[in-house]
Amino acid sequence: MTVRMDDGASKGDAILVAVWVKADKLPKGRNTGSVQVRLQQAEAPYAGLAGGTITPGEDWELWYVSGVSTGDYSADEINLAFNLAAEKQTIDIAQFYVMNLGQGVDPASLPSGLAE
């Protein structure tokens, strides 16, 4: 699944993605699902601006992934992609937010993984 963006990003912008997600049907023998979340170029070479793999459980949880834009991209050149094909699973995705925090933000200061 991919989602188009309303705004672009400039080289060096810190990007934070927050997504509410749960695993409705878990992969066989696992207690979590697997979802790759990625803000990326909409066309080849699909360079990533922010992303990571999240492992949702059976309850609604807020997850974060982040990154720093390596180039200048207009809104129509990027999209948010959710790759669910790593496992046989059913994943529910609710609200998600893509936040361009701009220049000068230390990526290490951004939340990552499951929200506490």
PDB file of N, CA and C in Angstrom:
ATOM      1  N   MET A   1       0.847  -1.168   0.000  1.00  0.00           N
ATOM      2  CA  MET A   1       0.000   0.000   0.000  1.00  0.00           C
ATOM      3  C   MET A   1       0.889   1.226   0.000  1.00  0.00           C
ATOM      4  N   THR A   2       0.596   2.206  -0.825  1.00  0.00           N
ATOM      5  CA  THR A   2       1.341   3.462  -0.838  1.00  0.00           C
ATOM      6  C   THR A   2       0.388   4.642  -0.704  1.00  0.00           C
ATOM      7  N   VAL A   3       0.898   5.724  -0.119  1.00  0.00           N
ATOM      8  CA  VAL A   3       0.110   6.928   0.112  1.00  0.00           C
ATOM      9  C   VAL A   3       0.915   8.119  -0.378  1.00  0.00           C
ATOM     10  N   ARG A   4       0.308   8.958  -1.198  1.00  0.00           N
ATOM     11  CA  ARG A   4       0.959  10.178  -1.685  1.00  0.00           C
ATOM     12  C   ARG A   4       1.035  11.219  -0.583  1.00  0.00           C
ATOM     13  N   MET A   5       2.031  12.097  -0.669  1.00  0.00           N
ATOM     14  CA  MET A   5       2.258  13.131   0.338  1.00  0.00           C
ATOM     15  C   MET A   5       1.715  14.482  -0.117  1.00  0.00           C
ATOM     16  N   ASP A   6       1.438  15.353   0.853  1.00  0.00           N
ATOM     17  CA  ASP A   6       0.972  16.712   0.568  1.00  0.00           C
ATOM     18  C   ASP A   6       2.131  17.690   0.412  1.00  0.00           C
ATOM     19  N   ASP A   7       3.270  17.400   1.061  1.00  0.00           N
ATOM     20  CA  ASP A   7       4.434  18.281   1.024  1.00  0.00           C
ATOM     21  C   ASP A   7       5.674  17.473   0.709  1.00  0.00           C
ATOM     22  N   GLY A   8       6.705  18.164   0.222  1.00  0.00           N
ATOM     23  CA  GLY A   8       7.963  17.526  -0.106  1.00  0.00           C
ATOM     24  C   GLY A   8       8.948  17.591   1.043  1.00  0.00           C
ATOM     25  N   ALA A   9      10.214  17.322   0.717  1.00  0.00           N
ATOM     26  CA  ALA A   9      11.289  17.355   1.706  1.00  0.00           C
ATOM     27  C   ALA A   9      12.550  17.868   1.029  1.00  0.00           C
ATOM     28  N   SER A  10      13.365  18.561   1.805  1.00  0.00           N
ATOM     29  CA  SER A  10      14.647  19.065   1.322  1.00  0.00           C
ATOM     30  C   SER A  10      15.776  18.239   1.918  1.00  0.00           C
ATOM     31  N   LYS A  11      16.911  18.233   1.232  1.00  0.00           N
ATOM     32  CA  LYS A  11      18.079  17.504   1.721  1.00  0.00           C
ATOM     33  C   LYS A  11      18.407  17.972   3.139  1.00  0.00           C
ATOM     34  N   GLY A  12      18.554  17.007   4.057  1.00  0.00           N
ATOM     35  CA  GLY A  12      18.886  17.306   5.442  1.00  0.00           C
ATOM     36  C   GLY A  12      17.694  17.437   6.364  1.00  0.00           C
ATOM     37  N   ASP A  13      16.470  17.426   5.826  1.00  0.00           N
ATOM     38  CA  ASP A  13      15.281  17.498   6.676  1.00  0.00           C
ATOM     39  C   ASP A  13      15.130  16.206   7.480  1.00  0.00           C
ATOM     40  N   ALA A  14      14.863  16.346   8.765  1.00  0.00           N
ATOM     41  CA  ALA A  14      14.560  15.191   9.613  1.00  0.00           C
ATOM     42  C   ALA A  14      13.088  14.828   9.420  1.00  0.00           C
ATOM     43  N   ILE A  15      12.824  13.551   9.210  1.00  0.00           N
ATOM     44  CA  ILE A  15      11.470  13.059   8.952  1.00  0.00           C
ATOM     45  C   ILE A  15      11.102  12.063  10.047  1.00  0.00           C
ATOM     46  N   LEU A  16       9.911  12.228  10.613  1.00  0.00           N
ATOM     47  CA  LEU A  16       9.393  11.297  11.610  1.00  0.00           C
ATOM     48  C   LEU A  16       8.045  10.777  11.127  1.00  0.00           C
ATOM     49  N   VAL A  17       7.889   9.464  11.123  1.00  0.00           N
ATOM     50  CA  VAL A  17       6.628   8.825  10.751  1.00  0.00           C
ATOM     51  C   VAL A  17       6.089   8.127  11.994  1.00  0.00           C
ATOM     52  N   ALA A  18       4.821   8.384  12.316  1.00  0.00           N
ATOM     53  CA  ALA A  18       4.136   7.725  13.426  1.00  0.00           C
ATOM     54  C   ALA A  18       2.927   6.992  12.851  1.00  0.00           C
ATOM     55  N   VAL A  19       2.724   5.752  13.265  1.00  0.00           N
ATOM     56  CA  VAL A  19       1.615   4.967  12.720  1.00  0.00           C
ATOM     57  C   VAL A  19       1.000   4.094  13.816  1.00  0.00           C
ATOM     58  N   TRP A  20      -0.340   4.108  13.875  1.00  0.00           N
ATOM     59  CA  TRP A  20      -1.094   3.217  14.751  1.00  0.00           C
ATOM     60  C   TRP A  20      -1.360   1.933  13.974  1.00  0.00           C
ATOM     61  N   VAL A  21      -0.986   0.798  14.541  1.00  0.00           N
ATOM     62  CA  VAL A  21      -1.083  -0.464  13.814  1.00  0.00           C
ATOM     63  C   VAL A  21      -1.301  -1.613  14.796  1.00  0.00           C
ATOM     64  N   LYS A  22      -1.955  -2.678  14.303  1.00  0.00           N
ATOM     65  CA  LYS A  22      -2.076  -3.913  15.076  1.00  0.00           C
ATOM     66  C   LYS A  22      -2.106  -5.089  14.107  1.00  0.00           C
ATOM     67  N   ALA A  23      -1.720  -6.240  14.622  1.00  0.00           N
ATOM     68  CA  ALA A  23      -1.785  -7.477  13.836  1.00  0.00           C
ATOM     69  C   ALA A  23      -3.120  -8.145  14.119  1.00  0.00           C
ATOM     70  N   ASP A  24      -3.988  -8.183  13.126  1.00  0.00           N
ATOM     71  CA  ASP A  24      -5.305  -8.794  13.285  1.00  0.00           C
ATOM     72  C   ASP A  24      -5.209 -10.317  13.174  1.00  0.00           C
ATOM     73  N   LYS A  25      -4.344 -10.789  12.292  1.00  0.00           N
ATOM     74  CA  LYS A  25      -4.091 -12.225  12.149  1.00  0.00           C
ATOM     75  C   LYS A  25      -2.578 -12.398  12.077  1.00  0.00           C
ATOM     76  N   LEU A  26      -2.013 -13.031  13.100  1.00  0.00           N
ATOM     77  CA  LEU A  26      -0.563 -13.186  13.211  1.00  0.00           C
ATOM     78  C   LEU A  26      -0.034 -14.260  12.268  1.00  0.00           C
ATOM     79  N   PRO A  27       1.233 -14.116  11.841  1.00  0.00           N
ATOM     80  CA  PRO A  27       1.855 -15.195  11.080  1.00  0.00           C
ATOM     81  C   PRO A  27       1.931 -16.463  11.940  1.00  0.00           C
ATOM     82  N   LYS A  28       1.814 -17.608  11.302  1.00  0.00           N
ATOM     83  CA  LYS A  28       1.825 -18.888  12.015  1.00  0.00           C
ATOM     84  C   LYS A  28       3.095 -19.021  12.859  1.00  0.00           C
ATOM     85  N   GLY A  29       2.898 -19.349  14.151  1.00  0.00           N
ATOM     86  CA  GLY A  29       4.012 -19.564  15.055  1.00  0.00           C
ATOM     87  C   GLY A  29       4.683 -18.302  15.570  1.00  0.00           C
ATOM     88  N   ARG A  30       4.104 -17.130  15.312  1.00  0.00           N
ATOM     89  CA  ARG A  30       4.707 -15.868  15.749  1.00  0.00           C
ATOM     90  C   ARG A  30       3.738 -15.125  16.659  1.00  0.00           C
ATOM     91  N   ASN A  31       4.273 -14.267  17.532  1.00  0.00           N
ATOM     92  CA  ASN A  31       3.413 -13.456  18.394  1.00  0.00           C
ATOM     93  C   ASN A  31       3.405 -11.994  17.978  1.00  0.00           C
ATOM     94  N   THR A  32       4.048 -11.673  16.848  1.00  0.00           N
ATOM     95  CA  THR A  32       4.003 -10.334  16.262  1.00  0.00           C
ATOM     96  C   THR A  32       3.943 -10.443  14.748  1.00  0.00           C
ATOM     97  N   GLY A  33       3.469  -9.374  14.134  1.00  0.00           N
ATOM     98  CA  GLY A  33       3.504  -9.261  12.690  1.00  0.00           C
ATOM     99  C   GLY A  33       4.799  -8.597  12.261  1.00  0.00           C
ATOM    100  N   SER A  34       4.885  -8.271  10.976  1.00  0.00           N
ATOM    101  CA  SER A  34       6.068  -7.594  10.439  1.00  0.00           C
ATOM    102  C   SER A  34       5.629  -6.657   9.322  1.00  0.00           C
ATOM    103  N   VAL A  35       5.949  -5.374   9.489  1.00  0.00           N
ATOM    104  CA  VAL A  35       5.571  -4.363   8.501  1.00  0.00           C
ATOM    105  C   VAL A  35       6.771  -3.456   8.242  1.00  0.00           C
ATOM    106  N   GLN A  36       7.138  -3.318   6.974  1.00  0.00           N
ATOM    107  CA  GLN A  36       8.158  -2.343   6.619  1.00  0.00           C
ATOM    108  C   GLN A  36       7.439  -1.034   6.296  1.00  0.00           C
ATOM    109  N   VAL A  37       7.806   0.029   7.014  1.00  0.00           N
ATOM    110  CA  VAL A  37       7.236   1.362   6.811  1.00  0.00           C
ATOM    111  C   VAL A  37       8.335   2.219   6.204  1.00  0.00           C
ATOM    112  N   ARG A  38       8.037   2.879   5.074  1.00  0.00           N
ATOM    113  CA  ARG A  38       9.102   3.590   4.376  1.00  0.00           C
ATOM    114  C   ARG A  38       8.561   4.808   3.639  1.00  0.00           C
ATOM    115  N   LEU A  39       9.108   5.990   3.944  1.00  0.00           N
ATOM    116  CA  LEU A  39       8.883   7.179   3.130  1.00  0.00           C
ATOM    117  C   LEU A  39       9.964   7.143   2.076  1.00  0.00           C
ATOM    118  N   GLN A  40       9.566   7.132   0.803  1.00  0.00           N
ATOM    119  CA  GLN A  40      10.522   6.870  -0.275  1.00  0.00           C
ATOM    120  C   GLN A  40      10.150   7.618  -1.539  1.00  0.00           C
ATOM    121  N   GLN A  41      11.102   7.621  -2.484  1.00  0.00           N
ATOM    122  CA  GLN A  41      10.806   8.139  -3.811  1.00  0.00           C
ATOM    123  C   GLN A  41       9.674   7.313  -4.397  1.00  0.00           C
ATOM    124  N   ALA A  42       8.791   7.956  -5.129  1.00  0.00           N
ATOM    125  CA  ALA A  42       7.637   7.275  -5.714  1.00  0.00           C
ATOM    126  C   ALA A  42       8.003   6.439  -6.941  1.00  0.00           C
ATOM    127  N   GLU A  43       9.191   6.655  -7.498  1.00  0.00           N
ATOM    128  CA  GLU A  43       9.646   5.916  -8.677  1.00  0.00           C
ATOM    129  C   GLU A  43      11.088   5.468  -8.467  1.00  0.00           C
ATOM    130  N   ALA A  44      11.545   4.565  -9.321  1.00  0.00           N
ATOM    131  CA  ALA A  44      12.928   4.076  -9.240  1.00  0.00           C
ATOM    132  C   ALA A  44      13.883   5.257  -9.223  1.00  0.00           C
ATOM    133  N   PRO A  45      14.904   5.221  -8.370  1.00  0.00           N
ATOM    134  CA  PRO A  45      15.443   4.071  -7.634  1.00  0.00           C
ATOM    135  C   PRO A  45      14.847   3.889  -6.235  1.00  0.00           C
ATOM    136  N   TYR A  46      13.728   4.543  -5.908  1.00  0.00           N
ATOM    137  CA  TYR A  46      13.005   4.369  -4.637  1.00  0.00           C
ATOM    138  C   TYR A  46      13.876   4.658  -3.412  1.00  0.00           C
ATOM    139  N   ALA A  47      14.675   5.710  -3.506  1.00  0.00           N
ATOM    140  CA  ALA A  47      15.537   6.107  -2.379  1.00  0.00           C
ATOM    141  C   ALA A  47      14.677   6.387  -1.158  1.00  0.00           C
ATOM    142  N   GLY A  48      15.133   5.924   0.001  1.00  0.00           N
ATOM    143  CA  GLY A  48      14.389   6.099   1.239  1.00  0.00           C
ATOM    144  C   GLY A  48      14.747   7.388   1.947  1.00  0.00           C
ATOM    145  N   LEU A  49      13.738   8.054   2.491  1.00  0.00           N
ATOM    146  CA  LEU A  49      13.941   9.241   3.310  1.00  0.00           C
ATOM    147  C   LEU A  49      13.842   8.891   4.784  1.00  0.00           C
ATOM    148  N   ALA A  50      12.961   7.955   5.110  1.00  0.00           N
ATOM    149  CA  ALA A  50      12.769   7.499   6.493  1.00  0.00           C
ATOM    150  C   ALA A  50      12.155   6.114   6.426  1.00  0.00           C
ATOM    151  N   GLY A  51      12.429   5.296   7.435  1.00  0.00           N
ATOM    152  CA  GLY A  51      11.786   4.000   7.431  1.00  0.00           C
ATOM    153  C   GLY A  51      12.389   3.019   8.400  1.00  0.00           C
ATOM    154  N   GLY A  52      11.721   1.885   8.485  1.00  0.00           N
ATOM    155  CA  GLY A  52      12.156   0.800   9.337  1.00  0.00           C
ATOM    156  C   GLY A  52      11.100  -0.282   9.380  1.00  0.00           C
ATOM    157  N   THR A  53      11.423  -1.374  10.027  1.00  0.00           N
ATOM    158  CA  THR A  53      10.491  -2.485  10.183  1.00  0.00           C
ATOM    159  C   THR A  53       9.909  -2.444  11.583  1.00  0.00           C
ATOM    160  N   ILE A  54       8.595  -2.564  11.659  1.00  0.00           N
ATOM    161  CA  ILE A  54       7.900  -2.595  12.944  1.00  0.00           C
ATOM    162  C   ILE A  54       7.286  -3.978  13.125  1.00  0.00           C
ATOM    163  N   THR A  55       7.066  -4.349  14.377  1.00  0.00           N
ATOM    164  CA  THR A  55       6.554  -5.689  14.686  1.00  0.00           C
ATOM    165  C   THR A  55       5.332  -5.587  15.592  1.00  0.00           C
ATOM    166  N   PRO A  56       4.180  -5.242  15.016  1.00  0.00           N
ATOM    167  CA  PRO A  56       2.980  -5.036  15.830  1.00  0.00           C
ATOM    168  C   PRO A  56       2.443  -6.325  16.438  1.00  0.00           C
ATOM    169  N   GLY A  57       1.854  -6.168  17.624  1.00  0.00           N
ATOM    170  CA  GLY A  57       1.163  -7.263  18.285  1.00  0.00           C
ATOM    171  C   GLY A  57      -0.330  -7.175  18.023  1.00  0.00           C
ATOM    172  N   GLU A  58      -1.109  -7.851  18.842  1.00  0.00           N
ATOM    173  CA  GLU A  58      -2.559  -7.933  18.618  1.00  0.00           C
ATOM    174  C   GLU A  58      -3.341  -6.744  19.155  1.00  0.00           C
ATOM    175  N   ASP A  59      -2.693  -5.836  19.875  1.00  0.00           N
ATOM    176  CA  ASP A  59      -3.346  -4.625  20.373  1.00  0.00           C
ATOM    177  C   ASP A  59      -2.881  -3.419  19.566  1.00  0.00           C
ATOM    178  N   TRP A  60      -3.732  -2.391  19.506  1.00  0.00           N
ATOM    179  CA  TRP A  60      -3.341  -1.163  18.832  1.00  0.00           C
ATOM    180  C   TRP A  60      -2.132  -0.560  19.539  1.00  0.00           C
ATOM    181  N   GLU A  61      -1.109  -0.231  18.755  1.00  0.00           N
ATOM    182  CA  GLU A  61       0.120   0.360  19.285  1.00  0.00           C
ATOM    183  C   GLU A  61       0.592   1.464  18.351  1.00  0.00           C
ATOM    184  N   LEU A  62       1.241   2.459  18.932  1.00  0.00           N
ATOM    185  CA  LEU A  62       1.832   3.543  18.157  1.00  0.00           C
ATOM    186  C   LEU A  62       3.303   3.232  17.933  1.00  0.00           C
ATOM    187  N   TRP A  63       3.715   3.229  16.675  1.00  0.00           N
ATOM    188  CA  TRP A  63       5.102   2.949  16.284  1.00  0.00           C
ATOM    189  C   TRP A  63       5.696   4.152  15.571  1.00  0.00           C
ATOM    190  N   TYR A  64       7.022   4.308  15.706  1.00  0.00           N
ATOM    191  CA  TYR A  64       7.752   5.391  15.042  1.00  0.00           C
ATOM    192  C   TYR A  64       8.876   4.832  14.175  1.00  0.00           C
ATOM    193  N   VAL A  65       9.094   5.478  13.022  1.00  0.00           N
ATOM    194  CA  VAL A  65      10.298   5.301  12.216  1.00  0.00           C
ATOM    195  C   VAL A  65      10.744   6.693  11.794  1.00  0.00           C
ATOM    196  N   SER A  66      12.032   6.853  11.532  1.00  0.00           N
ATOM    197  CA  SER A  66      12.522   8.185  11.187  1.00  0.00           C
ATOM    198  C   SER A  66      13.682   8.086  10.211  1.00  0.00           C
ATOM    199  N   GLY A  67      14.144   9.240   9.771  1.00  0.00           N
ATOM    200  CA  GLY A  67      15.286   9.313   8.875  1.00  0.00           C
ATOM    201  C   GLY A  67      15.576  10.748   8.503  1.00  0.00           C
ATOM    202  N   VAL A  68      16.573  10.922   7.655  1.00  0.00           N
ATOM    203  CA  VAL A  68      16.971  12.244   7.169  1.00  0.00           C
ATOM    204  C   VAL A  68      16.973  12.195   5.648  1.00  0.00           C
ATOM    205  N   SER A  69      16.307  13.149   5.032  1.00  0.00           N
ATOM    206  CA  SER A  69      16.223  13.199   3.575  1.00  0.00           C
ATOM    207  C   SER A  69      17.615  13.404   2.975  1.00  0.00           C
ATOM    208  N   THR A  70      17.948  12.577   1.996  1.00  0.00           N
ATOM    209  CA  THR A  70      19.246  12.670   1.325  1.00  0.00           C
ATOM    210  C   THR A  70      19.183  13.489   0.043  1.00  0.00           C
ATOM    211  N   GLY A  71      18.022  14.068  -0.250  1.00  0.00           N
ATOM    212  CA  GLY A  71      17.868  14.869  -1.454  1.00  0.00           C
ATOM    213  C   GLY A  71      16.683  15.803  -1.331  1.00  0.00           C
ATOM    214  N   ASP A  72      16.447  16.567  -2.395  1.00  0.00           N
ATOM    215  CA  ASP A  72      15.295  17.474  -2.467  1.00  0.00           C
ATOM    216  C   ASP A  72      14.194  16.780  -3.268  1.00  0.00           C
ATOM    217  N   TYR A  73      13.003  16.687  -2.678  1.00  0.00           N
ATOM    218  CA  TYR A  73      11.890  15.983  -3.318  1.00  0.00           C
ATOM    219  C   TYR A  73      10.617  16.801  -3.189  1.00  0.00           C
ATOM    220  N   SER A  74       9.888  16.937  -4.277  1.00  0.00           N
ATOM    221  CA  SER A  74       8.568  17.570  -4.211  1.00  0.00           C
ATOM    222  C   SER A  74       7.563  16.538  -3.707  1.00  0.00           C
ATOM    223  N   ALA A  75       6.373  16.998  -3.352  1.00  0.00           N
ATOM    224  CA  ALA A  75       5.345  16.103  -2.806  1.00  0.00           C
ATOM    225  C   ALA A  75       4.992  14.980  -3.775  1.00  0.00           C
ATOM    226  N   ASP A  76       4.977  15.262  -5.069  1.00  0.00           N
ATOM    227  CA  ASP A  76       4.603  14.222  -6.033  1.00  0.00           C
ATOM    228  C   ASP A  76       5.743  13.248  -6.332  1.00  0.00           C
ATOM    229  N   GLU A  77       6.919  13.483  -5.762  1.00  0.00           N
ATOM    230  CA  GLU A  77       8.055  12.585  -5.976  1.00  0.00           C
ATOM    231  C   GLU A  77       8.255  11.574  -4.847  1.00  0.00           C
ATOM    232  N   ILE A  78       7.465  11.687  -3.767  1.00  0.00           N
ATOM    233  CA  ILE A  78       7.619  10.771  -2.634  1.00  0.00           C
ATOM    234  C   ILE A  78       6.268  10.200  -2.220  1.00  0.00           C
ATOM    235  N   ASN A  79       6.325   9.040  -1.569  1.00  0.00           N
ATOM    236  CA  ASN A  79       5.118   8.448  -1.001  1.00  0.00           C
ATOM    237  C   ASN A  79       5.484   7.646   0.242  1.00  0.00           C
ATOM    238  N   LEU A  80       4.475   7.321   1.016  1.00  0.00           N
ATOM    239  CA  LEU A  80       4.646   6.476   2.184  1.00  0.00           C
ATOM    240  C   LEU A  80       4.206   5.075   1.785  1.00  0.00           C
ATOM    241  N   ALA A  81       5.102   4.101   1.984  1.00  0.00           N
ATOM    242  CA  ALA A  81       4.812   2.723   1.587  1.00  0.00           C
ATOM    243  C   ALA A  81       4.777   1.823   2.807  1.00  0.00           C
ATOM    244  N   PHE A  82       3.812   0.916   2.822  1.00  0.00           N
ATOM    245  CA  PHE A  82       3.703  -0.118   3.840  1.00  0.00           C
ATOM    246  C   PHE A  82       3.866  -1.455   3.133  1.00  0.00           C
ATOM    247  N   ASN A  83       4.932  -2.190   3.439  1.00  0.00           N
ATOM    248  CA  ASN A  83       5.157  -3.505   2.844  1.00  0.00           C
ATOM    249  C   ASN A  83       4.782  -4.558   3.875  1.00  0.00           C
ATOM    250  N   LEU A  84       3.750  -5.328   3.559  1.00  0.00           N
ATOM    251  CA  LEU A  84       3.219  -6.334   4.478  1.00  0.00           C
ATOM    252  C   LEU A  84       3.538  -7.748   4.018  1.00  0.00           C
ATOM    253  N   ALA A  85       4.230  -7.897   2.905  1.00  0.00           N
ATOM    254  CA  ALA A  85       4.369  -9.200   2.258  1.00  0.00           C
ATOM    255  C   ALA A  85       5.449 -10.091   2.856  1.00  0.00           C
ATOM    256  N   ALA A  86       6.121  -9.674   3.918  1.00  0.00           N
ATOM    257  CA  ALA A  86       7.179 -10.499   4.506  1.00  0.00           C
ATOM    258  C   ALA A  86       6.621 -11.751   5.184  1.00  0.00           C
ATOM    259  N   GLU A  87       5.369 -11.699   5.576  1.00  0.00           N
ATOM    260  CA  GLU A  87       4.725 -12.811   6.297  1.00  0.00           C
ATOM    261  C   GLU A  87       3.295 -12.978   5.789  1.00  0.00           C
ATOM    262  N   LYS A  88       2.711 -14.169   6.006  1.00  0.00           N
ATOM    263  CA  LYS A  88       1.277 -14.368   5.758  1.00  0.00           C
ATOM    264  C   LYS A  88       0.574 -13.869   7.012  1.00  0.00           C
ATOM    265  N   GLN A  89      -0.077 -12.703   6.905  1.00  0.00           N
ATOM    266  CA  GLN A  89      -0.614 -12.008   8.067  1.00  0.00           C
ATOM    267  C   GLN A  89      -1.716 -11.049   7.627  1.00  0.00           C
ATOM    268  N   THR A  90      -2.492 -10.600   8.594  1.00  0.00           N
ATOM    269  CA  THR A  90      -3.461  -9.533   8.357  1.00  0.00           C
ATOM    270  C   THR A  90      -3.120  -8.403   9.310  1.00  0.00           C
ATOM    271  N   ILE A  91      -2.862  -7.226   8.762  1.00  0.00           N
ATOM    272  CA  ILE A  91      -2.436  -6.064   9.532  1.00  0.00           C
ATOM    273  C   ILE A  91      -3.468  -4.955   9.377  1.00  0.00           C
ATOM    274  N   ASP A  92      -3.856  -4.343  10.494  1.00  0.00           N
ATOM    275  CA  ASP A  92      -4.748  -3.186  10.477  1.00  0.00           C
ATOM    276  C   ASP A  92      -3.901  -1.936  10.694  1.00  0.00           C
ATOM    277  N   ILE A  93      -4.070  -0.955   9.817  1.00  0.00           N
ATOM    278  CA  ILE A  93      -3.362   0.323   9.915  1.00  0.00           C
ATOM    279  C   ILE A  93      -4.411   1.406  10.101  1.00  0.00           C
ATOM    280  N   ALA A  94      -4.248   2.205  11.139  1.00  0.00           N
ATOM    281  CA  ALA A  94      -5.188   3.293  11.410  1.00  0.00           C
ATOM    282  C   ALA A  94      -4.509   4.609  11.033  1.00  0.00           C
ATOM    283  N   GLN A  95      -4.552   5.562  11.923  1.00  0.00           N
ATOM    284  CA  GLN A  95      -3.965   6.865  11.639  1.00  0.00           C
ATOM    285  C   GLN A  95      -2.453   6.763  11.506  1.00  0.00           C
ATOM    286  N   PHE A  96      -1.931   7.586  10.605  1.00  0.00           N
ATOM    287  CA  PHE A  96      -0.483   7.716  10.501  1.00  0.00           C
ATOM    288  C   PHE A  96      -0.169   9.170  10.211  1.00  0.00           C
ATOM    289  N   TYR A  97       1.024   9.559  10.604  1.00  0.00           N
ATOM    290  CA  TYR A  97       1.463  10.945  10.472  1.00  0.00           C
ATOM    291  C   TYR A  97       2.871  10.957   9.895  1.00  0.00           C
ATOM    292  N   VAL A  98       3.104  11.815   8.924  1.00  0.00           N
ATOM    293  CA  VAL A  98       4.439  12.039   8.396  1.00  0.00           C
ATOM    294  C   VAL A  98       4.790  13.474   8.737  1.00  0.00           C
ATOM    295  N   MET A  99       5.836  13.640   9.542  1.00  0.00           N
ATOM    296  CA  MET A  99       6.206  14.974  10.031  1.00  0.00           C
ATOM    297  C   MET A  99       7.586  15.348   9.522  1.00  0.00           C
ATOM    298  N   ASN A 100       7.652  16.435   8.758  1.00  0.00           N
ATOM    299  CA  ASN A 100       8.932  16.979   8.323  1.00  0.00           C
ATOM    300  C   ASN A 100       9.354  17.972   9.400  1.00  0.00           C
ATOM    301  N   LEU A 101      10.377  17.613  10.163  1.00  0.00           N
ATOM    302  CA  LEU A 101      10.832  18.442  11.279  1.00  0.00           C
ATOM    303  C   LEU A 101      11.878  19.460  10.865  1.00  0.00           C
ATOM    304  N   GLY A 102      12.259  19.441   9.592  1.00  0.00           N
ATOM    305  CA  GLY A 102      13.175  20.446   9.060  1.00  0.00           C
ATOM    306  C   GLY A 102      14.636  20.152   9.344  1.00  0.00           C
ATOM    307  N   GLN A 103      15.432  21.196   9.209  1.00  0.00           N
ATOM    308  CA  GLN A 103      16.889  21.109   9.312  1.00  0.00           C
ATOM    309  C   GLN A 103      17.358  21.170  10.769  1.00  0.00           C
ATOM    310  N   GLY A 104      18.538  20.638  11.011  1.00  0.00           N
ATOM    311  CA  GLY A 104      19.194  20.806  12.299  1.00  0.00           C
ATOM    312  C   GLY A 104      18.649  19.959  13.429  1.00  0.00           C
ATOM    313  N   VAL A 105      17.850  18.953  13.121  1.00  0.00           N
ATOM    314  CA  VAL A 105      17.320  18.068  14.159  1.00  0.00           C
ATOM    315  C   VAL A 105      18.223  16.832  14.225  1.00  0.00           C
ATOM    316  N   ASP A 106      18.682  16.502  15.420  1.00  0.00           N
ATOM    317  CA  ASP A 106      19.514  15.319  15.612  1.00  0.00           C
ATOM    318  C   ASP A 106      18.646  14.076  15.467  1.00  0.00           C
ATOM    319  N   PRO A 107      18.895  13.236  14.446  1.00  0.00           N
ATOM    320  CA  PRO A 107      18.065  12.037  14.259  1.00  0.00           C
ATOM    321  C   PRO A 107      18.051  11.127  15.483  1.00  0.00           C
ATOM    322  N   ALA A 108      19.125  11.124  16.264  1.00  0.00           N
ATOM    323  CA  ALA A 108      19.181  10.283  17.459  1.00  0.00           C
ATOM    324  C   ALA A 108      18.200  10.738  18.536  1.00  0.00           C
ATOM    325  N   SER A 109      17.727  11.976  18.425  1.00  0.00           N
ATOM    326  CA  SER A 109      16.782  12.499  19.415  1.00  0.00           C
ATOM    327  C   SER A 109      15.329  12.130  19.105  1.00  0.00           C
ATOM    328  N   LEU A 110      15.092  11.551  17.946  1.00  0.00           N
ATOM    329  CA  LEU A 110      13.726  11.209  17.525  1.00  0.00           C
ATOM    330  C   LEU A 110      13.304   9.870  18.114  1.00  0.00           C
ATOM    331  N   PRO A 111      12.006   9.724  18.410  1.00  0.00           N
ATOM    332  CA  PRO A 111      11.542   8.432  18.905  1.00  0.00           C
ATOM    333  C   PRO A 111      11.711   7.356  17.841  1.00  0.00           C
ATOM    334  N   SER A 112      11.881   6.128  18.277  1.00  0.00           N
ATOM    335  CA  SER A 112      12.065   5.014  17.355  1.00  0.00           C
ATOM    336  C   SER A 112      11.418   3.770  17.944  1.00  0.00           C
ATOM    337  N   GLY A 113      10.771   2.992  17.107  1.00  0.00           N
ATOM    338  CA  GLY A 113      10.146   1.754  17.565  1.00  0.00           C
ATOM    339  C   GLY A 113       8.812   1.997  18.234  1.00  0.00           C
ATOM    340  N   LEU A 114       8.483   1.154  19.172  1.00  0.00           N
ATOM    341  CA  LEU A 114       7.206   1.196  19.876  1.00  0.00           C
ATOM    342  C   LEU A 114       7.181   2.367  20.848  1.00  0.00           C
ATOM    343  N   ALA A 115       6.110   3.163  20.793  1.00  0.00           N
ATOM    344  CA  ALA A 115       5.961   4.298  21.711  1.00  0.00           C
ATOM    345  C   ALA A 115       5.800   3.780  23.132  1.00  0.00           C
ATOM    346  N   GLU A 116       6.366   4.500  24.071  1.00  0.00           N
ATOM    347  CA  GLU A 116       6.272   4.099  25.485  1.00  0.00           C
ATOM    348  C   GLU A 116       5.192   4.865  26.189  1.00  0.00           C
TER     349      GLU A 116
END
